N, C-alpha and C. Protein backbone atom coordinates (compact mmCIF):
# COMPACT_ATOMS: atom_id res chain seq x y z
N MET A 1 179.24 -21.44 33.36
CA MET A 1 177.98 -22.02 32.91
C MET A 1 176.87 -20.98 33.05
N PRO A 2 175.99 -20.96 32.08
CA PRO A 2 174.90 -19.98 32.17
C PRO A 2 173.85 -20.37 33.21
N ARG A 3 173.24 -19.36 33.82
CA ARG A 3 172.12 -19.56 34.74
C ARG A 3 170.85 -19.46 33.91
N LEU A 4 170.03 -20.49 33.93
CA LEU A 4 168.85 -20.54 33.08
C LEU A 4 167.57 -20.62 33.90
N PHE A 5 166.50 -20.09 33.32
CA PHE A 5 165.17 -20.27 33.88
C PHE A 5 164.16 -20.22 32.74
N ILE A 6 162.99 -20.77 32.99
CA ILE A 6 161.91 -20.83 32.00
C ILE A 6 160.76 -20.02 32.57
N ALA A 7 160.20 -19.12 31.74
CA ALA A 7 159.21 -18.20 32.27
C ALA A 7 158.19 -17.79 31.23
N ILE A 8 157.12 -17.22 31.72
CA ILE A 8 156.12 -16.52 30.91
C ILE A 8 156.48 -15.05 31.00
N ASP A 9 156.64 -14.42 29.86
CA ASP A 9 156.98 -13.01 29.80
C ASP A 9 155.68 -12.23 29.58
N PRO A 10 155.25 -11.41 30.54
CA PRO A 10 153.98 -10.71 30.36
C PRO A 10 154.09 -9.62 29.31
N SER A 11 152.96 -9.13 28.88
CA SER A 11 152.94 -8.06 27.89
C SER A 11 153.50 -6.78 28.49
N GLU A 12 153.86 -5.86 27.63
CA GLU A 12 154.40 -4.58 28.08
C GLU A 12 153.37 -3.84 28.93
N SER A 13 152.10 -3.93 28.56
CA SER A 13 151.06 -3.24 29.33
C SER A 13 150.96 -3.80 30.76
N VAL A 14 151.12 -5.12 30.91
CA VAL A 14 151.10 -5.72 32.24
C VAL A 14 152.32 -5.26 33.04
N ARG A 15 153.49 -5.28 32.41
CA ARG A 15 154.69 -4.83 33.11
C ARG A 15 154.56 -3.37 33.53
N ASP A 16 154.01 -2.53 32.64
CA ASP A 16 153.83 -1.11 32.98
C ASP A 16 152.88 -0.95 34.16
N ARG A 17 151.80 -1.71 34.16
CA ARG A 17 150.82 -1.62 35.25
C ARG A 17 151.46 -2.06 36.57
N LEU A 18 152.22 -3.14 36.55
CA LEU A 18 152.87 -3.61 37.77
C LEU A 18 153.97 -2.65 38.21
N ALA A 19 154.70 -2.09 37.25
CA ALA A 19 155.75 -1.12 37.59
C ALA A 19 155.15 0.11 38.25
N GLY A 20 153.91 0.43 37.89
CA GLY A 20 153.23 1.58 38.50
C GLY A 20 152.95 1.39 39.98
N LEU A 21 153.00 0.17 40.45
CA LEU A 21 152.79 -0.12 41.87
C LEU A 21 154.07 0.02 42.68
N GLN A 22 155.20 0.07 41.98
CA GLN A 22 156.49 0.04 42.66
C GLN A 22 156.79 1.39 43.31
N GLY A 23 157.06 1.35 44.58
CA GLY A 23 157.40 2.55 45.32
C GLY A 23 156.71 2.54 46.67
N GLY A 24 157.21 3.37 47.58
CA GLY A 24 156.56 3.54 48.87
C GLY A 24 156.94 2.53 49.93
N VAL A 25 157.94 1.70 49.66
CA VAL A 25 158.38 0.72 50.66
C VAL A 25 159.90 0.87 50.83
N PRO A 26 160.31 1.67 51.83
CA PRO A 26 161.76 1.78 52.07
C PRO A 26 162.36 0.41 52.35
N GLY A 27 163.52 0.15 51.76
CA GLY A 27 164.18 -1.14 51.93
C GLY A 27 163.83 -2.12 50.82
N ALA A 28 162.95 -1.72 49.91
CA ALA A 28 162.61 -2.59 48.77
C ALA A 28 163.56 -2.30 47.62
N ARG A 29 164.05 -3.37 47.00
CA ARG A 29 164.84 -3.23 45.77
C ARG A 29 163.92 -3.71 44.65
N TRP A 30 163.33 -2.73 43.95
CA TRP A 30 162.30 -3.01 42.95
C TRP A 30 162.90 -3.66 41.71
N VAL A 31 162.20 -4.64 41.19
CA VAL A 31 162.62 -5.33 39.97
C VAL A 31 162.43 -4.38 38.79
N ARG A 32 163.41 -4.33 37.91
CA ARG A 32 163.27 -3.50 36.71
C ARG A 32 162.04 -3.98 35.94
N PRO A 33 161.21 -3.07 35.41
CA PRO A 33 160.00 -3.48 34.71
C PRO A 33 160.23 -4.51 33.61
N ASP A 34 161.32 -4.39 32.86
CA ASP A 34 161.56 -5.35 31.78
C ASP A 34 161.99 -6.73 32.29
N ASN A 35 162.24 -6.86 33.60
CA ASN A 35 162.60 -8.15 34.19
C ASN A 35 161.42 -8.82 34.90
N ILE A 36 160.26 -8.19 34.91
CA ILE A 36 159.10 -8.80 35.57
C ILE A 36 158.62 -9.96 34.71
N HIS A 37 158.47 -11.13 35.33
CA HIS A 37 158.06 -12.34 34.62
C HIS A 37 157.45 -13.33 35.60
N LEU A 38 156.83 -14.37 35.06
CA LEU A 38 156.29 -15.46 35.88
C LEU A 38 157.18 -16.67 35.64
N THR A 39 157.95 -17.05 36.63
CA THR A 39 158.86 -18.19 36.50
C THR A 39 158.08 -19.50 36.53
N LEU A 40 158.28 -20.30 35.50
CA LEU A 40 157.74 -21.66 35.48
C LEU A 40 158.71 -22.62 36.15
N LEU A 41 160.02 -22.40 35.91
CA LEU A 41 161.03 -23.28 36.48
C LEU A 41 162.38 -22.57 36.48
N PHE A 42 162.99 -22.47 37.67
CA PHE A 42 164.35 -21.93 37.77
C PHE A 42 165.31 -23.10 37.78
N LEU A 43 166.32 -23.04 36.93
CA LEU A 43 167.24 -24.16 36.77
C LEU A 43 168.62 -23.91 37.38
N GLY A 44 169.03 -22.67 37.48
CA GLY A 44 170.38 -22.37 37.94
C GLY A 44 171.39 -22.62 36.83
N GLU A 45 172.61 -22.95 37.21
CA GLU A 45 173.68 -23.15 36.22
C GLU A 45 173.48 -24.47 35.49
N VAL A 46 173.54 -24.39 34.16
CA VAL A 46 173.32 -25.56 33.30
C VAL A 46 174.42 -25.59 32.26
N ASP A 47 175.07 -26.75 32.10
CA ASP A 47 176.13 -26.86 31.10
C ASP A 47 175.53 -26.88 29.68
N ALA A 48 176.37 -26.63 28.69
CA ALA A 48 175.91 -26.49 27.30
C ALA A 48 175.23 -27.74 26.76
N PRO A 49 175.78 -28.95 26.95
CA PRO A 49 175.08 -30.13 26.42
C PRO A 49 173.69 -30.32 27.04
N THR A 50 173.58 -30.09 28.34
CA THR A 50 172.28 -30.23 29.00
C THR A 50 171.32 -29.14 28.51
N ALA A 51 171.84 -27.93 28.31
CA ALA A 51 171.00 -26.84 27.79
C ALA A 51 170.47 -27.19 26.40
N ALA A 52 171.30 -27.81 25.59
CA ALA A 52 170.85 -28.21 24.25
C ALA A 52 169.77 -29.28 24.34
N ASP A 53 169.95 -30.25 25.25
CA ASP A 53 168.92 -31.27 25.46
C ASP A 53 167.63 -30.64 25.98
N LEU A 54 167.77 -29.67 26.88
CA LEU A 54 166.60 -28.98 27.42
C LEU A 54 165.84 -28.26 26.30
N ASP A 55 166.56 -27.57 25.45
CA ASP A 55 165.94 -26.87 24.32
C ASP A 55 165.13 -27.85 23.47
N THR A 56 165.70 -29.01 23.19
CA THR A 56 165.00 -30.03 22.39
C THR A 56 163.73 -30.48 23.10
N GLN A 57 163.84 -30.77 24.40
CA GLN A 57 162.68 -31.25 25.17
C GLN A 57 161.59 -30.17 25.26
N LEU A 58 161.98 -28.93 25.49
CA LEU A 58 160.99 -27.85 25.57
C LEU A 58 160.29 -27.66 24.23
N GLY A 59 161.03 -27.85 23.14
CA GLY A 59 160.44 -27.71 21.81
C GLY A 59 159.40 -28.77 21.50
N ARG A 60 159.38 -29.85 22.26
CA ARG A 60 158.42 -30.94 22.06
C ARG A 60 157.13 -30.75 22.84
N ILE A 61 157.09 -29.75 23.71
CA ILE A 61 155.90 -29.54 24.54
C ILE A 61 154.74 -29.09 23.65
N GLY A 62 153.63 -29.77 23.79
CA GLY A 62 152.41 -29.38 23.10
C GLY A 62 151.40 -28.90 24.11
N ALA A 63 150.98 -27.67 23.98
CA ALA A 63 149.96 -27.10 24.88
C ALA A 63 149.28 -25.97 24.13
N THR A 64 148.11 -25.62 24.58
CA THR A 64 147.36 -24.54 23.92
C THR A 64 147.50 -23.25 24.71
N ALA A 65 147.30 -22.14 24.02
CA ALA A 65 147.33 -20.83 24.66
C ALA A 65 146.21 -20.75 25.69
N PHE A 66 146.39 -19.89 26.67
CA PHE A 66 145.39 -19.75 27.72
C PHE A 66 145.43 -18.34 28.28
N GLU A 67 144.40 -18.01 29.07
CA GLU A 67 144.35 -16.71 29.72
C GLU A 67 144.96 -16.80 31.11
N LEU A 68 145.73 -15.78 31.45
CA LEU A 68 146.35 -15.68 32.77
C LEU A 68 145.73 -14.49 33.49
N ARG A 69 145.33 -14.72 34.72
CA ARG A 69 144.76 -13.64 35.54
C ARG A 69 145.77 -13.27 36.62
N ILE A 70 146.10 -11.99 36.67
CA ILE A 70 147.03 -11.48 37.68
C ILE A 70 146.22 -10.70 38.70
N ALA A 71 146.27 -11.15 39.94
CA ALA A 71 145.45 -10.53 40.98
C ALA A 71 146.10 -10.73 42.34
N GLY A 72 145.96 -9.73 43.18
CA GLY A 72 146.43 -9.79 44.55
C GLY A 72 147.93 -9.58 44.67
N VAL A 73 148.36 -9.31 45.88
CA VAL A 73 149.79 -9.11 46.18
C VAL A 73 150.11 -9.86 47.46
N GLY A 74 151.38 -10.10 47.68
CA GLY A 74 151.79 -10.80 48.89
C GLY A 74 153.29 -10.77 49.06
N THR A 75 153.75 -11.50 50.06
CA THR A 75 155.19 -11.55 50.34
C THR A 75 155.62 -12.99 50.55
N PHE A 76 156.91 -13.21 50.38
CA PHE A 76 157.54 -14.48 50.75
C PHE A 76 158.43 -14.20 51.95
N GLY A 77 158.64 -15.23 52.75
CA GLY A 77 159.49 -15.10 53.92
C GLY A 77 158.68 -14.90 55.18
N PRO A 78 159.36 -14.85 56.32
CA PRO A 78 158.66 -14.68 57.59
C PRO A 78 157.96 -13.32 57.67
N ALA A 79 156.84 -13.28 58.39
CA ALA A 79 156.04 -12.05 58.48
C ALA A 79 156.84 -10.88 59.04
N ARG A 80 157.75 -11.15 59.96
CA ARG A 80 158.53 -10.06 60.57
C ARG A 80 159.71 -9.62 59.72
N ASN A 81 160.10 -10.46 58.75
CA ASN A 81 161.25 -10.12 57.92
C ASN A 81 161.06 -10.72 56.52
N PRO A 82 160.06 -10.25 55.77
CA PRO A 82 159.81 -10.82 54.44
C PRO A 82 160.97 -10.55 53.49
N THR A 83 161.11 -11.44 52.50
CA THR A 83 162.25 -11.35 51.59
C THR A 83 161.87 -10.91 50.18
N ALA A 84 160.60 -11.02 49.81
CA ALA A 84 160.18 -10.63 48.46
C ALA A 84 158.73 -10.18 48.48
N LEU A 85 158.42 -9.31 47.54
CA LEU A 85 157.08 -8.77 47.36
C LEU A 85 156.63 -9.17 45.97
N TRP A 86 155.39 -9.68 45.83
CA TRP A 86 154.96 -10.20 44.54
C TRP A 86 153.51 -9.84 44.22
N ALA A 87 153.20 -9.93 42.91
CA ALA A 87 151.83 -9.90 42.42
C ALA A 87 151.46 -11.34 42.09
N GLY A 88 150.26 -11.74 42.46
CA GLY A 88 149.86 -13.13 42.28
C GLY A 88 149.33 -13.42 40.89
N ALA A 89 149.46 -14.67 40.50
CA ALA A 89 148.85 -15.17 39.27
C ALA A 89 147.88 -16.26 39.68
N ALA A 90 146.64 -16.15 39.21
CA ALA A 90 145.62 -17.12 39.60
C ALA A 90 146.00 -18.51 39.11
N ARG A 91 145.83 -19.48 39.97
CA ARG A 91 146.07 -20.87 39.58
C ARG A 91 145.00 -21.26 38.57
N SER A 92 145.42 -21.98 37.57
CA SER A 92 144.46 -22.48 36.58
C SER A 92 144.97 -23.82 36.07
N ARG A 93 144.08 -24.61 35.54
CA ARG A 93 144.47 -25.91 35.01
C ARG A 93 145.49 -25.77 33.88
N PRO A 94 145.30 -24.84 32.91
CA PRO A 94 146.30 -24.72 31.83
C PRO A 94 147.68 -24.27 32.33
N LEU A 95 147.71 -23.37 33.32
CA LEU A 95 149.00 -22.93 33.86
C LEU A 95 149.69 -24.07 34.57
N ARG A 96 148.96 -24.83 35.37
CA ARG A 96 149.55 -25.97 36.07
C ARG A 96 150.04 -27.03 35.07
N PHE A 97 149.24 -27.26 34.01
CA PHE A 97 149.61 -28.22 32.97
C PHE A 97 150.93 -27.80 32.33
N LEU A 98 151.06 -26.51 32.00
CA LEU A 98 152.30 -26.03 31.38
C LEU A 98 153.47 -26.18 32.34
N HIS A 99 153.30 -25.80 33.60
CA HIS A 99 154.37 -25.95 34.58
C HIS A 99 154.83 -27.40 34.67
N ASP A 100 153.87 -28.32 34.75
CA ASP A 100 154.21 -29.74 34.87
C ASP A 100 154.93 -30.25 33.63
N LYS A 101 154.51 -29.81 32.44
CA LYS A 101 155.17 -30.21 31.19
C LYS A 101 156.61 -29.68 31.15
N VAL A 102 156.80 -28.45 31.58
CA VAL A 102 158.14 -27.86 31.60
C VAL A 102 159.03 -28.63 32.58
N ASP A 103 158.50 -28.97 33.75
CA ASP A 103 159.27 -29.72 34.73
C ASP A 103 159.66 -31.09 34.17
N ARG A 104 158.72 -31.77 33.51
CA ARG A 104 159.03 -33.08 32.93
C ARG A 104 160.06 -32.96 31.80
N ALA A 105 160.00 -31.88 31.03
CA ALA A 105 160.99 -31.66 29.97
C ALA A 105 162.38 -31.49 30.57
N ALA A 106 162.47 -30.76 31.68
CA ALA A 106 163.76 -30.55 32.33
C ALA A 106 164.32 -31.89 32.85
N VAL A 107 163.46 -32.71 33.43
CA VAL A 107 163.89 -34.03 33.92
C VAL A 107 164.36 -34.89 32.75
N ALA A 108 163.63 -34.85 31.63
CA ALA A 108 164.03 -35.62 30.45
C ALA A 108 165.38 -35.16 29.90
N ALA A 109 165.74 -33.90 30.16
CA ALA A 109 167.03 -33.37 29.73
C ALA A 109 168.14 -33.66 30.74
N GLY A 110 167.80 -34.35 31.83
CA GLY A 110 168.81 -34.72 32.81
C GLY A 110 168.90 -33.81 34.02
N LEU A 111 167.96 -32.90 34.18
CA LEU A 111 167.97 -31.99 35.32
C LEU A 111 167.08 -32.56 36.43
N PRO A 112 167.31 -32.16 37.68
CA PRO A 112 166.48 -32.70 38.77
C PRO A 112 165.06 -32.16 38.71
N ALA A 113 164.12 -32.96 39.19
CA ALA A 113 162.73 -32.53 39.26
C ALA A 113 162.61 -31.39 40.27
N ASP A 114 161.67 -30.49 40.01
CA ASP A 114 161.42 -29.38 40.93
C ASP A 114 160.49 -29.89 42.02
N ASP A 115 160.99 -30.00 43.25
CA ASP A 115 160.17 -30.53 44.33
C ASP A 115 159.49 -29.44 45.16
N ARG A 116 159.66 -28.18 44.72
CA ARG A 116 158.99 -27.09 45.43
C ARG A 116 157.55 -26.95 44.96
N LYS A 117 156.69 -26.49 45.83
CA LYS A 117 155.30 -26.25 45.47
C LYS A 117 155.24 -25.06 44.51
N PHE A 118 154.53 -25.22 43.41
CA PHE A 118 154.42 -24.15 42.41
C PHE A 118 153.45 -23.08 42.92
N LYS A 119 153.96 -21.88 43.14
CA LYS A 119 153.15 -20.74 43.56
C LYS A 119 153.33 -19.66 42.52
N PRO A 120 152.43 -19.60 41.52
CA PRO A 120 152.62 -18.66 40.42
C PRO A 120 152.54 -17.21 40.89
N HIS A 121 153.56 -16.44 40.52
CA HIS A 121 153.64 -15.05 40.94
C HIS A 121 154.61 -14.30 40.03
N LEU A 122 154.58 -12.99 40.15
CA LEU A 122 155.52 -12.12 39.45
C LEU A 122 156.20 -11.28 40.52
N THR A 123 157.49 -11.48 40.72
CA THR A 123 158.22 -10.76 41.77
C THR A 123 158.31 -9.28 41.41
N LEU A 124 157.95 -8.43 42.36
CA LEU A 124 158.01 -6.98 42.17
C LEU A 124 159.20 -6.36 42.87
N ALA A 125 159.63 -6.96 44.00
CA ALA A 125 160.75 -6.38 44.76
C ALA A 125 161.38 -7.44 45.63
N ARG A 126 162.67 -7.25 45.88
CA ARG A 126 163.39 -8.00 46.89
C ARG A 126 163.42 -7.10 48.13
N LEU A 127 163.27 -7.71 49.28
CA LEU A 127 163.18 -6.93 50.51
C LEU A 127 164.34 -7.26 51.43
N LYS A 128 164.96 -6.23 51.95
CA LYS A 128 166.02 -6.41 52.93
C LYS A 128 165.88 -5.28 53.94
N GLY A 129 165.42 -5.63 55.11
CA GLY A 129 165.25 -4.61 56.14
C GLY A 129 164.12 -3.64 55.86
N ALA A 130 163.13 -4.04 55.09
CA ALA A 130 162.00 -3.16 54.80
C ALA A 130 161.21 -2.92 56.09
N ARG A 131 160.74 -1.70 56.24
CA ARG A 131 159.93 -1.36 57.42
C ARG A 131 158.59 -2.08 57.31
N VAL A 132 158.31 -2.95 58.24
CA VAL A 132 157.14 -3.81 58.19
C VAL A 132 155.85 -3.00 58.14
N GLU A 133 155.78 -1.91 58.89
CA GLU A 133 154.54 -1.12 58.89
C GLU A 133 154.29 -0.48 57.53
N ARG A 134 155.33 -0.02 56.85
CA ARG A 134 155.15 0.53 55.50
C ARG A 134 154.79 -0.56 54.51
N LEU A 135 155.37 -1.73 54.68
CA LEU A 135 155.06 -2.85 53.81
C LEU A 135 153.60 -3.27 54.00
N ARG A 136 153.14 -3.35 55.24
CA ARG A 136 151.73 -3.71 55.50
C ARG A 136 150.80 -2.69 54.85
N SER A 137 151.15 -1.43 54.95
CA SER A 137 150.33 -0.37 54.33
C SER A 137 150.29 -0.55 52.81
N TRP A 138 151.46 -0.85 52.20
CA TRP A 138 151.51 -1.06 50.75
C TRP A 138 150.65 -2.26 50.36
N LEU A 139 150.75 -3.35 51.12
CA LEU A 139 149.96 -4.55 50.83
C LEU A 139 148.47 -4.25 50.93
N SER A 140 148.08 -3.50 51.95
CA SER A 140 146.68 -3.14 52.11
C SER A 140 146.19 -2.26 50.96
N ASP A 141 147.01 -1.30 50.55
CA ASP A 141 146.63 -0.39 49.46
C ASP A 141 146.51 -1.11 48.13
N ASN A 142 147.25 -2.19 47.94
CA ASN A 142 147.29 -2.86 46.63
C ASN A 142 146.66 -4.25 46.62
N ASP A 143 146.04 -4.63 47.73
CA ASP A 143 145.48 -5.98 47.85
C ASP A 143 144.40 -6.27 46.81
N ALA A 144 143.70 -5.26 46.35
CA ALA A 144 142.61 -5.45 45.38
C ALA A 144 143.11 -5.50 43.94
N LEU A 145 144.41 -5.59 43.74
CA LEU A 145 144.95 -5.64 42.38
C LEU A 145 144.26 -6.73 41.57
N ALA A 146 143.74 -6.37 40.41
CA ALA A 146 143.12 -7.34 39.50
C ALA A 146 143.25 -6.78 38.08
N LEU A 147 144.16 -7.37 37.33
CA LEU A 147 144.38 -6.93 35.95
C LEU A 147 143.46 -7.70 35.01
N ASP A 148 143.18 -7.11 33.86
CA ASP A 148 142.41 -7.83 32.85
C ASP A 148 143.18 -9.09 32.46
N PRO A 149 142.47 -10.17 32.15
CA PRO A 149 143.17 -11.40 31.75
C PRO A 149 144.06 -11.14 30.54
N VAL A 150 145.21 -11.80 30.53
CA VAL A 150 146.15 -11.68 29.41
C VAL A 150 146.33 -13.04 28.75
N GLU A 151 146.49 -13.03 27.44
CA GLU A 151 146.67 -14.25 26.68
C GLU A 151 148.12 -14.71 26.78
N VAL A 152 148.33 -15.94 27.17
CA VAL A 152 149.67 -16.54 27.20
C VAL A 152 149.75 -17.44 25.98
N ASP A 153 150.60 -17.08 25.03
CA ASP A 153 150.70 -17.85 23.80
C ASP A 153 152.10 -18.42 23.57
N ARG A 154 152.98 -18.28 24.59
CA ARG A 154 154.34 -18.80 24.46
C ARG A 154 155.00 -18.81 25.84
N PHE A 155 156.09 -19.53 25.94
CA PHE A 155 156.94 -19.44 27.11
C PHE A 155 158.37 -19.36 26.60
N ILE A 156 159.29 -18.94 27.46
CA ILE A 156 160.63 -18.56 27.02
C ILE A 156 161.69 -19.19 27.93
N LEU A 157 162.78 -19.64 27.31
CA LEU A 157 163.98 -20.04 28.03
C LEU A 157 164.88 -18.82 28.11
N PHE A 158 165.22 -18.41 29.33
CA PHE A 158 166.05 -17.23 29.57
C PHE A 158 167.39 -17.63 30.16
N ARG A 159 168.40 -16.81 29.85
CA ARG A 159 169.68 -16.85 30.55
C ARG A 159 169.74 -15.60 31.42
N SER A 160 170.18 -15.74 32.65
CA SER A 160 170.28 -14.62 33.58
C SER A 160 171.74 -14.27 33.79
N HIS A 161 172.06 -13.02 33.56
CA HIS A 161 173.41 -12.50 33.81
C HIS A 161 173.33 -11.61 35.05
N LEU A 162 174.19 -11.85 36.01
CA LEU A 162 174.20 -11.02 37.21
C LEU A 162 175.30 -9.98 37.11
N ASN A 163 174.94 -8.74 37.49
CA ASN A 163 175.94 -7.68 37.58
C ASN A 163 175.64 -6.81 38.79
N ARG A 164 176.39 -5.75 38.97
CA ARG A 164 176.22 -4.89 40.14
C ARG A 164 174.83 -4.28 40.24
N ASP A 165 174.22 -4.00 39.09
CA ASP A 165 172.91 -3.35 39.08
C ASP A 165 171.75 -4.33 39.12
N GLY A 166 172.03 -5.62 39.23
CA GLY A 166 170.98 -6.63 39.26
C GLY A 166 171.12 -7.60 38.12
N ALA A 167 170.06 -8.29 37.83
CA ALA A 167 170.09 -9.32 36.78
C ALA A 167 169.64 -8.75 35.44
N ILE A 168 170.23 -9.29 34.39
CA ILE A 168 169.80 -9.02 33.03
C ILE A 168 169.31 -10.34 32.47
N HIS A 169 168.08 -10.35 31.97
CA HIS A 169 167.49 -11.58 31.45
C HIS A 169 167.52 -11.57 29.93
N GLU A 170 168.20 -12.56 29.38
CA GLU A 170 168.37 -12.67 27.93
C GLU A 170 167.54 -13.85 27.41
N PRO A 171 166.55 -13.58 26.54
CA PRO A 171 165.79 -14.69 25.98
C PRO A 171 166.66 -15.52 25.03
N LEU A 172 166.64 -16.85 25.21
CA LEU A 172 167.40 -17.74 24.34
C LEU A 172 166.51 -18.42 23.31
N ALA A 173 165.30 -18.80 23.70
CA ALA A 173 164.39 -19.48 22.78
C ALA A 173 162.96 -19.26 23.24
N GLU A 174 162.07 -19.14 22.27
CA GLU A 174 160.64 -19.02 22.54
C GLU A 174 159.94 -20.28 22.06
N TYR A 175 158.95 -20.70 22.83
CA TYR A 175 158.20 -21.91 22.52
C TYR A 175 156.71 -21.56 22.46
N PRO A 176 156.17 -21.44 21.25
CA PRO A 176 154.74 -21.11 21.13
C PRO A 176 153.88 -22.22 21.72
N LEU A 177 152.75 -21.84 22.26
CA LEU A 177 151.83 -22.81 22.83
C LEU A 177 150.89 -23.32 21.74
N THR A 178 151.49 -23.91 20.72
CA THR A 178 150.75 -24.60 19.67
C THR A 178 151.50 -25.88 19.36
N VAL A 179 150.81 -26.92 19.00
CA VAL A 179 151.43 -28.22 18.79
C VAL A 179 152.34 -28.18 17.57
N GLY A 180 153.59 -28.63 17.76
CA GLY A 180 154.49 -28.87 16.64
C GLY A 180 155.17 -27.67 16.02
N SER A 181 155.08 -26.48 16.61
CA SER A 181 155.80 -25.34 16.02
C SER A 181 156.54 -24.60 17.11
N ARG A 182 157.57 -23.89 16.73
CA ARG A 182 158.34 -23.08 17.65
C ARG A 182 159.16 -22.07 16.87
N SER A 183 159.67 -21.09 17.53
CA SER A 183 160.51 -20.09 16.88
C SER A 183 161.82 -20.00 17.62
N GLU A 184 162.83 -19.51 16.93
CA GLU A 184 164.14 -19.35 17.54
C GLU A 184 164.52 -17.88 17.49
N THR A 185 165.33 -17.47 18.42
CA THR A 185 165.85 -16.11 18.40
C THR A 185 167.33 -16.18 18.04
N PRO A 186 167.87 -15.12 17.46
CA PRO A 186 169.31 -15.12 17.16
C PRO A 186 170.16 -15.41 18.39
N ALA A 187 169.72 -14.95 19.57
CA ALA A 187 170.49 -15.19 20.78
C ALA A 187 170.62 -16.68 21.06
N GLN A 188 169.58 -17.44 20.76
CA GLN A 188 169.62 -18.88 21.01
C GLN A 188 170.71 -19.53 20.16
N ILE A 189 170.73 -19.18 18.90
CA ILE A 189 171.70 -19.78 17.99
C ILE A 189 173.12 -19.34 18.36
N ASP A 190 173.29 -18.04 18.65
CA ASP A 190 174.60 -17.53 19.01
C ASP A 190 175.13 -18.15 20.29
N ALA A 191 174.22 -18.46 21.23
CA ALA A 191 174.65 -18.99 22.52
C ALA A 191 174.95 -20.46 22.46
N GLY A 192 174.70 -21.07 21.33
CA GLY A 192 175.01 -22.47 21.19
C GLY A 192 174.08 -23.36 21.98
N VAL A 193 172.85 -22.91 22.22
CA VAL A 193 171.90 -23.73 22.96
C VAL A 193 171.49 -24.93 22.12
N ARG A 194 171.38 -24.77 20.82
CA ARG A 194 170.97 -25.86 19.94
C ARG A 194 172.16 -26.69 19.53
């Protein structure tokens, strides 16, 4: 069964800017720049019929485009042994609205509701045994991160393939943030999502 997630894919300029921050933390496994994204909902393994229902439900979401502000950095996990390093995304009413609509679409497709608190972020690195003092220095050096606002005009259903070198994210379908329209990618049709 494919592992699926729904995300906002930032522009190439945003990914390049965030990739420029990567480095200087021994023990960090940096996310490949083309894999940097803002997860709206991680689903895990989903069978084909449920994936098809999910695609239908996501295609029904009506929302307008909005600006996303990326600012600040932080970590997940305990202070003495953090597990991930991220760039923050400012909370906004349109982003929360989209997250909630995506969660309701997943529930309508038969998937469980996401009971985790939504903390919008873009993961930059996974941490395993990172030296805390170097990590604190990196956080201090990059705490003032503030990118120009970016326009979010779509969200994407991705399939994640795991291999030795990390994850490969394959877009299956794009959902424009305009009422009543959407686009499909060849990968979506080939994967039998519809």
